[in-house]
C-alpha atoms as a PDB file:
ATOM      1  CA  MET A   1       5.060  -1.484 -18.736  1.00  0.00           C
ATOM      2  CA  ARG A   2       5.813  -2.985 -15.333  1.00  0.00           C
ATOM      3  CA  SER A   3       6.335  -0.438 -12.612  1.00  0.00           C
ATOM      4  CA  LEU A   4       5.671   0.765  -9.084  1.00  0.00           C
ATOM      5  CA  THR A   5       4.683   4.411  -8.577  1.00  0.00           C
ATOM      6  CA  VAL A   6       4.695   5.991  -5.124  1.00  0.00           C
ATOM      7  CA  LEU A   7       1.535   8.034  -4.559  1.00  0.00           C
ATOM      8  CA  GLY A   8       2.097   8.671  -0.857  1.00  0.00           C
ATOM      9  CA  SER A   9       4.691   7.829   1.774  1.00  0.00           C
ATOM     10  CA  CYS A  10       3.675   9.430   5.080  1.00  0.00           C
ATOM     11  CA  GLY A  11       2.188   7.753   8.113  1.00  0.00           C
ATOM     12  CA  ALA A  12      -0.535   9.268  10.340  1.00  0.00           C
ATOM     13  CA  TRP A  13      -1.017  12.478   8.323  1.00  0.00           C
ATOM     14  CA  PRO A  14       0.633  13.932   5.206  1.00  0.00           C
ATOM     15  CA  GLU A  15       3.458  16.410   5.463  1.00  0.00           C
ATOM     16  CA  ALA A  16       3.036  19.542   3.344  1.00  0.00           C
ATOM     17  CA  GLY A  17       3.445  18.572  -0.298  1.00  0.00           C
ATOM     18  CA  ARG A  18       3.208  14.850   0.433  1.00  0.00           C
ATOM     19  CA  ALA A  19       0.501  12.229   0.888  1.00  0.00           C
ATOM     20  CA  CYS A  20      -0.230   9.206   3.045  1.00  0.00           C
ATOM     21  CA  ALA A  21      -0.020   5.582   1.953  1.00  0.00           C
ATOM     22  CA  GLY A  22      -0.597   4.851  -1.713  1.00  0.00           C
ATOM     23  CA  PHE A  23       1.110   2.834  -4.451  1.00  0.00           C
ATOM     24  CA  LEU A  24       0.222   2.138  -8.078  1.00  0.00           C
ATOM     25  CA  VAL A  25       1.427  -1.172  -9.492  1.00  0.00           C
ATOM     26  CA  GLU A  26       1.276  -1.591 -13.278  1.00  0.00           C
ATOM     27  CA  TYR A  27       1.761  -4.892 -15.068  1.00  0.00           C
ATOM     28  CA  ASP A  28       1.337  -5.043 -18.832  1.00  0.00           C
ATOM     29  CA  GLY A  29      -1.590  -2.612 -18.793  1.00  0.00           C
ATOM     30  CA  PHE A  30      -3.234  -3.859 -15.573  1.00  0.00           C
ATOM     31  CA  ARG A  31      -3.318  -1.274 -12.776  1.00  0.00           C
ATOM     32  CA  VAL A  32      -3.794  -2.083  -9.112  1.00  0.00           C
ATOM     33  CA  VAL A  33      -3.686   0.436  -6.275  1.00  0.00           C
ATOM     34  CA  LEU A  34      -2.283  -0.543  -2.883  1.00  0.00           C
ATOM     35  CA  ASP A  35      -3.907   1.668  -0.230  1.00  0.00           C
ATOM     36  CA  LEU A  36      -5.136   5.207  -0.805  1.00  0.00           C
ATOM     37  CA  GLY A  37      -4.752   7.423   2.246  1.00  0.00           C
ATOM     38  CA  TYR A  38      -4.977  11.168   2.826  1.00  0.00           C
ATOM     39  CA  ALA A  39      -4.017  13.191  -0.293  1.00  0.00           C
ATOM     40  CA  ALA A  40      -3.053  10.139  -2.362  1.00  0.00           C
ATOM     41  CA  LEU A  41      -6.021  10.435  -4.746  1.00  0.00           C
ATOM     42  CA  PRO A  42      -4.846  13.596  -6.548  1.00  0.00           C
ATOM     43  CA  ARG A  43      -1.565  11.856  -7.278  1.00  0.00           C
ATOM     44  CA  LEU A  44      -3.380   8.811  -8.617  1.00  0.00           C
ATOM     45  CA  LEU A  45      -5.456  11.063 -10.878  1.00  0.00           C
ATOM     46  CA  GLU A  46      -2.252  12.367 -12.451  1.00  0.00           C
ATOM     47  CA  HIS A  47      -1.881   8.877 -13.926  1.00  0.00           C
ATOM     48  CA  CYS A  48      -5.542   7.824 -14.157  1.00  0.00           C
ATOM     49  CA  PRO A  49      -7.617  11.007 -14.677  1.00  0.00           C
ATOM     50  CA  GLN A  50     -10.964   9.225 -14.335  1.00  0.00           C
ATOM     51  CA  GLY A  51      -9.769   6.797 -11.691  1.00  0.00           C
ATOM     52  CA  GLU A  52      -9.568   4.082 -14.337  1.00  0.00           C
ATOM     53  CA  VAL A  53      -7.781   1.440 -12.279  1.00  0.00           C
ATOM     54  CA  ASP A  54      -8.422  -2.289 -12.521  1.00  0.00           C
ATOM     55  CA  ALA A  55      -8.408  -3.058  -8.791  1.00  0.00           C
ATOM     56  CA  VAL A  56      -7.892  -1.488  -5.384  1.00  0.00           C
ATOM     57  CA  VAL A  57      -6.359  -3.216  -2.367  1.00  0.00           C
ATOM     58  CA  VAL A  58      -6.696  -1.745   1.136  1.00  0.00           C
ATOM     59  CA  THR A  59      -4.621  -3.366   3.860  1.00  0.00           C
ATOM     60  CA  HIS A  60      -6.602  -2.002   6.813  1.00  0.00           C
ATOM     61  CA  GLN A  61      -9.162   0.507   8.001  1.00  0.00           C
ATOM     62  CA  HIS A  62      -7.030   3.389   9.281  1.00  0.00           C
ATOM     63  CA  PRO A  63      -7.813   6.588   7.355  1.00  0.00           C
ATOM     64  CA  ASP A  64      -4.211   7.232   6.378  1.00  0.00           C
ATOM     65  CA  HIS A  65      -4.605   4.074   4.273  1.00  0.00           C
ATOM     66  CA  CYS A  66      -8.191   4.183   3.046  1.00  0.00           C
ATOM     67  CA  VAL A  67      -9.855   7.597   3.268  1.00  0.00           C
ATOM     68  CA  ASP A  68      -9.177   8.607  -0.348  1.00  0.00           C
ATOM     69  CA  VAL A  69     -10.910   5.454  -1.584  1.00  0.00           C
ATOM     70  CA  SER A  70     -14.058   7.421  -0.754  1.00  0.00           C
ATOM     71  CA  GLY A  71     -12.885  10.149  -3.111  1.00  0.00           C
ATOM     72  CA  LEU A  72     -12.128   7.577  -5.787  1.00  0.00           C
ATOM     73  CA  ALA A  73     -15.694   6.293  -5.430  1.00  0.00           C
ATOM     74  CA  ARG A  74     -16.983   9.782  -6.268  1.00  0.00           C
ATOM     75  CA  VAL A  75     -14.698  10.036  -9.289  1.00  0.00           C
ATOM     76  CA  ARG A  76     -15.938   6.714 -10.647  1.00  0.00           C
ATOM     77  CA  TYR A  77     -19.595   7.457  -9.811  1.00  0.00           C
ATOM     78  CA  TYR A  78     -19.649  10.790 -11.645  1.00  0.00           C
ATOM     79  CA  GLU A  79     -17.002  10.373 -14.337  1.00  0.00           C
ATOM     80  CA  ALA A  80     -17.683   6.759 -15.360  1.00  0.00           C
ATOM     81  CA  PRO A  81     -21.251   5.936 -14.294  1.00  0.00           C
ATOM     82  CA  ASP A  82     -21.676   3.184 -16.890  1.00  0.00           C
ATOM     83  CA  ALA A  83     -18.367   1.480 -16.240  1.00  0.00           C
ATOM     84  CA  PRO A  84     -18.228  -1.879 -14.440  1.00  0.00           C
ATOM     85  CA  PRO A  85     -17.557  -1.654 -10.702  1.00  0.00           C
ATOM     86  CA  VAL A  86     -13.881  -1.577  -9.769  1.00  0.00           C
ATOM     87  CA  PRO A  87     -12.877  -4.586  -7.633  1.00  0.00           C
ATOM     88  CA  LEU A  88     -12.067  -3.467  -4.087  1.00  0.00           C
ATOM     89  CA  HIS A  89     -10.234  -5.999  -1.935  1.00  0.00           C
ATOM     90  CA  CYS A  90     -10.301  -4.916   1.688  1.00  0.00           C
ATOM     91  CA  THR A  91     -11.111  -5.916   5.242  1.00  0.00           C
ATOM     92  CA  PRO A  92     -14.797  -5.713   6.272  1.00  0.00           C
ATOM     93  CA  GLU A  93     -13.895  -2.951   8.733  1.00  0.00           C
ATOM     94  CA  THR A  94     -12.560  -0.837   5.870  1.00  0.00           C
ATOM     95  CA  LEU A  95     -15.925  -1.006   4.146  1.00  0.00           C
ATOM     96  CA  ASP A  96     -17.563   0.193   7.374  1.00  0.00           C
ATOM     97  CA  VAL A  97     -15.270   3.234   7.405  1.00  0.00           C
ATOM     98  CA  LEU A  98     -16.021   4.052   3.767  1.00  0.00           C
ATOM     99  CA  ARG A  99     -19.766   3.804   4.377  1.00  0.00           C
ATOM    100  CA  ALA A 100     -19.474   6.116   7.378  1.00  0.00           C
ATOM    101  CA  LEU A 101     -17.641   8.656   5.228  1.00  0.00           C
ATOM    102  CA  GLU A 102     -20.163   8.542   2.380  1.00  0.00           C
ATOM    103  CA  PRO A 103     -23.199   6.258   2.403  1.00  0.00           C
ATOM    104  CA  ASN A 104     -24.606   7.615  -0.870  1.00  0.00           C
ATOM    105  CA  PRO A 105     -23.508   6.262  -3.229  1.00  0.00           C
ATOM    106  CA  ASP A 106     -22.890   3.151  -1.218  1.00  0.00           C
ATOM    107  CA  PRO A 107     -19.295   2.005  -1.785  1.00  0.00           C
ATOM    108  CA  ALA A 108     -20.629  -1.454  -2.657  1.00  0.00           C
ATOM    109  CA  ASP A 109     -22.508   0.113  -5.596  1.00  0.00           C
ATOM    110  CA  VAL A 110     -19.346   1.714  -7.000  1.00  0.00           C
ATOM    111  CA  PHE A 111     -16.930  -1.086  -6.146  1.00  0.00           C
ATOM    112  CA  ALA A 112     -17.169  -4.849  -6.408  1.00  0.00           C
ATOM    113  CA  VAL A 113     -16.183  -5.555  -2.823  1.00  0.00           C
ATOM    114  CA  HIS A 114     -14.163  -8.634  -1.879  1.00  0.00           C
ATOM    115  CA  ASP A 115     -12.777  -9.802   1.451  1.00  0.00           C
ATOM    116  CA  LEU A 116      -9.028  -9.331   1.122  1.00  0.00           C
ATOM    117  CA  ALA A 117      -8.353 -12.253   3.470  1.00  0.00           C
ATOM    118  CA  ALA A 118     -10.038 -14.600   0.976  1.00  0.00           C
ATOM    119  CA  THR A 119      -8.474 -13.099  -2.165  1.00  0.00           C
ATOM    120  CA  THR A 120      -6.143 -15.380  -4.119  1.00  0.00           C
ATOM    121  CA  ARG A 121      -6.205 -13.740  -7.557  1.00  0.00           C
ATOM    122  CA  ILE A 122      -6.349 -10.156  -8.851  1.00  0.00           C
ATOM    123  CA  GLY A 123      -6.071  -9.845 -12.625  1.00  0.00           C
ATOM    124  CA  PRO A 124      -2.697 -11.316 -13.634  1.00  0.00           C
ATOM    125  CA  PHE A 125      -1.529 -11.607 -10.037  1.00  0.00           C
ATOM    126  CA  ASP A 126      -1.541 -14.537  -7.678  1.00  0.00           C
ATOM    127  CA  VAL A 127      -2.246 -13.081  -4.236  1.00  0.00           C
ATOM    128  CA  VAL A 128      -1.006 -14.144  -0.827  1.00  0.00           C
ATOM    129  CA  THR A 129      -2.146 -12.286   2.291  1.00  0.00           C
ATOM    130  CA  VAL A 130      -0.827 -12.609   5.838  1.00  0.00           C
ATOM    131  CA  GLU A 131      -2.161 -10.983   8.974  1.00  0.00           C
ATOM    132  CA  LEU A 132       0.490  -8.792  10.542  1.00  0.00           C
ATOM    133  CA  PRO A 133       0.602  -7.172  14.004  1.00  0.00           C
ATOM    134  CA  HIS A 134      -1.071  -3.763  14.129  1.00  0.00           C
ATOM    135  CA  PHE A 135      -3.640  -1.873  16.195  1.00  0.00           C
ATOM    136  CA  LYS A 136      -6.385  -3.028  13.797  1.00  0.00           C
ATOM    137  CA  THR A 137      -6.597  -6.045  11.510  1.00  0.00           C
ATOM    138  CA  ASN A 138      -3.923  -5.469   8.865  1.00  0.00           C
ATOM    139  CA  LEU A 139      -3.149  -7.780   5.969  1.00  0.00           C
ATOM    140  CA  GLY A 140       0.214  -7.767   4.263  1.00  0.00           C
ATOM    141  CA  VAL A 141      -0.078  -8.511   0.540  1.00  0.00           C
ATOM    142  CA  ARG A 142       2.126 -10.302  -1.962  1.00  0.00           C
ATOM    143  CA  LEU A 143       1.322  -9.936  -5.675  1.00  0.00           C
ATOM    144  CA  SER A 144       3.053 -12.332  -8.069  1.00  0.00           C
ATOM    145  CA  ALA A 145       2.850 -12.487 -11.868  1.00  0.00           C
ATOM    146  CA  PRO A 146       5.295 -13.973 -14.381  1.00  0.00           C
ATOM    147  CA  GLY A 147       8.566 -12.095 -14.005  1.00  0.00           C
ATOM    148  CA  MET A 148       7.475  -9.818 -11.139  1.00  0.00           C
ATOM    149  CA  THR A 149       6.635  -9.985  -7.429  1.00  0.00           C
ATOM    150  CA  VAL A 150       5.690  -7.020  -5.258  1.00  0.00           C
ATOM    151  CA  ALA A 151       5.058  -7.341  -1.520  1.00  0.00           C
ATOM    152  CA  TYR A 152       3.614  -4.724   0.826  1.00  0.00           C
ATOM    153  CA  THR A 153       3.239  -4.796   4.586  1.00  0.00           C
ATOM    154  CA  GLY A 154       0.653  -2.070   5.089  1.00  0.00           C
ATOM    155  CA  ASP A 155       1.301  -1.128   8.726  1.00  0.00           C
ATOM    156  CA  SER A 156       3.057  -3.771  10.779  1.00  0.00           C
ATOM    157  CA  GLY A 157       5.117  -4.500  13.806  1.00  0.00           C
ATOM    158  CA  PRO A 158       7.950  -7.049  13.651  1.00  0.00           C
ATOM    159  CA  SER A 159       6.758 -10.547  12.739  1.00  0.00           C
ATOM    160  CA  PRO A 160       8.186 -13.811  11.374  1.00  0.00           C
ATOM    161  CA  GLU A 161       5.409 -13.614   8.753  1.00  0.00           C
ATOM    162  CA  LEU A 162       7.258 -10.760   7.046  1.00  0.00           C
ATOM    163  CA  ARG A 163       9.759 -13.248   5.643  1.00  0.00           C
ATOM    164  CA  ARG A 164       6.921 -15.089   3.940  1.00  0.00           C
ATOM    165  CA  LEU A 165       6.011 -11.906   2.105  1.00  0.00           C
ATOM    166  CA  ALA A 166       9.562 -10.852   1.354  1.00  0.00           C
ATOM    167  CA  GLU A 167      11.217 -14.041   0.096  1.00  0.00           C
ATOM    168  CA  GLY A 168      12.134 -13.617  -3.558  1.00  0.00           C
ATOM    169  CA  ALA A 169      10.178 -10.375  -3.990  1.00  0.00           C
ATOM    170  CA  ASP A 170      11.522  -7.896  -6.527  1.00  0.00           C
ATOM    171  CA  VAL A 171      10.303  -5.069  -4.308  1.00  0.00           C
ATOM    172  CA  PHE A 172       9.321  -5.233  -0.654  1.00  0.00           C
ATOM    173  CA  ILE A 173       7.410  -2.129   0.474  1.00  0.00           C
ATOM    174  CA  SER A 174       7.654  -1.931   4.238  1.00  0.00           C
ATOM    175  CA  ASP A 175       6.377   0.084   7.148  1.00  0.00           C
ATOM    176  CA  ALA A 176       9.337   2.018   8.604  1.00  0.00           C
ATOM    177  CA  THR A 177       7.530   4.490  10.815  1.00  0.00           C
ATOM    178  CA  TYR A 178      10.260   5.068  13.386  1.00  0.00           C
ATOM    179  CA  GLN A 179      14.017   5.357  13.758  1.00  0.00           C
ATOM    180  CA  GLY A 180      16.413   4.189  16.449  1.00  0.00           C
ATOM    181  CA  ALA A 181      15.309   1.857  19.206  1.00  0.00           C
ATOM    182  CA  PRO A 182      12.053  -0.126  18.857  1.00  0.00           C
ATOM    183  CA  VAL A 183       9.011   1.912  19.862  1.00  0.00           C
ATOM    184  CA  SER A 184       5.951  -0.291  19.357  1.00  0.00           C
ATOM    185  CA  PRO A 185       5.013  -3.914  18.678  1.00  0.00           C
ATOM    186  CA  TYR A 186       2.565  -2.623  16.058  1.00  0.00           C
ATOM    187  CA  LEU A 187       4.796  -0.382  13.911  1.00  0.00           C
ATOM    188  CA  MET A 188       8.399  -0.831  12.823  1.00  0.00           C
ATOM    189  CA  THR A 189      11.635   1.075  12.866  1.00  0.00           C
ATOM    190  CA  ALA A 190      13.742   1.157   9.705  1.00  0.00           C
ATOM    191  CA  ALA A 191      16.104  -1.423  11.223  1.00  0.00           C
ATOM    192  CA  GLU A 192      13.196  -3.752  11.990  1.00  0.00           C
ATOM    193  CA  ALA A 193      11.917  -3.291   8.442  1.00  0.00           C
ATOM    194  CA  ALA A 194      15.329  -4.328   7.124  1.00  0.00           C
ATOM    195  CA  ARG A 195      15.307  -7.540   9.130  1.00  0.00           C
ATOM    196  CA  GLY A 196      11.804  -8.397   7.945  1.00  0.00           C
ATOM    197  CA  ALA A 197      12.721  -7.714   4.315  1.00  0.00           C
ATOM    198  CA  ARG A 198      15.605 -10.179   4.081  1.00  0.00           C
ATOM    199  CA  GLY A 199      15.121 -12.375   1.045  1.00  0.00           C
ATOM    200  CA  ALA A 200      13.784  -9.546  -1.116  1.00  0.00           C
ATOM    201  CA  ARG A 201      15.860  -7.823  -3.789  1.00  0.00           C
ATOM    202  CA  ARG A 202      14.883  -4.224  -3.045  1.00  0.00           C
ATOM    203  CA  LEU A 203      13.449  -2.629   0.065  1.00  0.00           C
ATOM    204  CA  VAL A 204      11.237   0.438  -0.199  1.00  0.00           C
ATOM    205  CA  LEU A 205      10.746   2.145   3.160  1.00  0.00           C
ATOM    206  CA  THR A 206       7.444   3.943   3.698  1.00  0.00           C
ATOM    207  CA  HIS A 207       4.944   5.212   6.308  1.00  0.00           C
ATOM    208  CA  PHE A 208       7.473   7.684   7.693  1.00  0.00           C
ATOM    209  CA  TRP A 209       6.404   9.619  10.756  1.00  0.00           C
ATOM    210  CA  PRO A 210       5.924  13.234   9.618  1.00  0.00           C
ATOM    211  CA  GLY A 211       9.088  15.270  10.034  1.00  0.00           C
ATOM    212  CA  SER A 212      11.429  12.284   9.936  1.00  0.00           C
ATOM    213  CA  ASP A 213      14.797  12.614   8.211  1.00  0.00           C
ATOM    214  CA  ARG A 214      14.395   9.859   5.639  1.00  0.00           C
ATOM    215  CA  ALA A 215      18.116   9.642   4.966  1.00  0.00           C
ATOM    216  CA  VAL A 216      18.530   8.427   8.552  1.00  0.00           C
ATOM    217  CA  SER A 217      15.953   5.689   7.962  1.00  0.00           C
ATOM    218  CA  VAL A 218      17.765   4.554   4.820  1.00  0.00           C
ATOM    219  CA  ARG A 219      21.110   4.364   6.643  1.00  0.00           C
ATOM    220  CA  GLU A 220      19.585   2.369   9.492  1.00  0.00           C
ATOM    221  CA  ALA A 221      17.981  -0.078   7.080  1.00  0.00           C
ATOM    222  CA  GLU A 222      21.114  -0.457   4.953  1.00  0.00           C
ATOM    223  CA  ALA A 223      22.970  -1.718   8.017  1.00  0.00           C
ATOM    224  CA  GLY A 224      20.689  -4.768   8.134  1.00  0.00           C
ATOM    225  CA  PHE A 225      19.752  -5.416   4.498  1.00  0.00           C
ATOM    226  CA  ASP A 226      22.011  -6.630   1.688  1.00  0.00           C
ATOM    227  CA  GLY A 227      19.986  -5.291  -1.243  1.00  0.00           C
ATOM    228  CA  GLU A 228      19.101  -1.791  -2.386  1.00  0.00           C
ATOM    229  CA  VAL A 229      17.236   0.392   0.137  1.00  0.00           C
ATOM    230  CA  ILE A 230      15.018   3.184  -1.187  1.00  0.00           C
ATOM    231  CA  ALA A 231      12.981   5.793   0.663  1.00  0.00           C
ATOM    232  CA  ALA A 232       9.490   6.081  -0.822  1.00  0.00           C
ATOM    233  CA  ASP A 233       9.029   9.548  -2.274  1.00  0.00           C
ATOM    234  CA  GLU A 234       5.894  10.896  -3.922  1.00  0.00           C
ATOM    235  CA  GLY A 235       6.183  10.547  -7.684  1.00  0.00           C
ATOM    236  CA  LEU A 236       8.991   8.010  -7.561  1.00  0.00           C
ATOM    237  CA  VAL A 237       8.630   5.381 -10.306  1.00  0.00           C
ATOM    238  CA  LEU A 238      10.517   2.083 -10.105  1.00  0.00           C
ATOM    239  CA  SER A 239      10.736  -0.173 -13.154  1.00  0.00           C
ATOM    240  CA  LEU A 240      10.035  -3.811 -12.358  1.00  0.00           C
END
């Protein structure tokens, strides 16, 4: 099975019934999680009841992208105490946040922690990371395995580096926080996401500001992107 499952799609905080950033990528039995923000863990546990994932990637330290990794640490610590540590690829600042949330057990005892900036391989995937403009250090990620490439911006403002992530990707998961005119150099509108995604086959918009009409975001992105545009929605599964 090769698929992308949306665990969470909100930015900042989760709307009722939704969750913040989280995606589950599956490739021939290997499972990697991309971010795990507020309320994303329960959705992950629907697919992996004991948190039995093969790797976790966290793009940056903001809690709407990493706070539920602390919950996942508890699941693994109590439900699978004898299992090998799960590889966690993140920025050093993310590890600081996780330790502040729960120092015991230390996240480094539950996870095998790796600096995401230095990561070049995760299971079957070749990994490329690029630093993208945001309020904190944020690393966009491109995962490539035979027959499949998934790219993810985390949170990002407009940047020429987005094309490097997007080119030839089967799915490009992009920050699309805002609508209309540009608001910030550190977060994108749907139209800006569309421009950054050119070269990819499908664009998945995510990190919607709570209360946004997602159909508006899709229409704005479609005006600037030739491929399929999809609004991330909790529980959505895309075959890859």
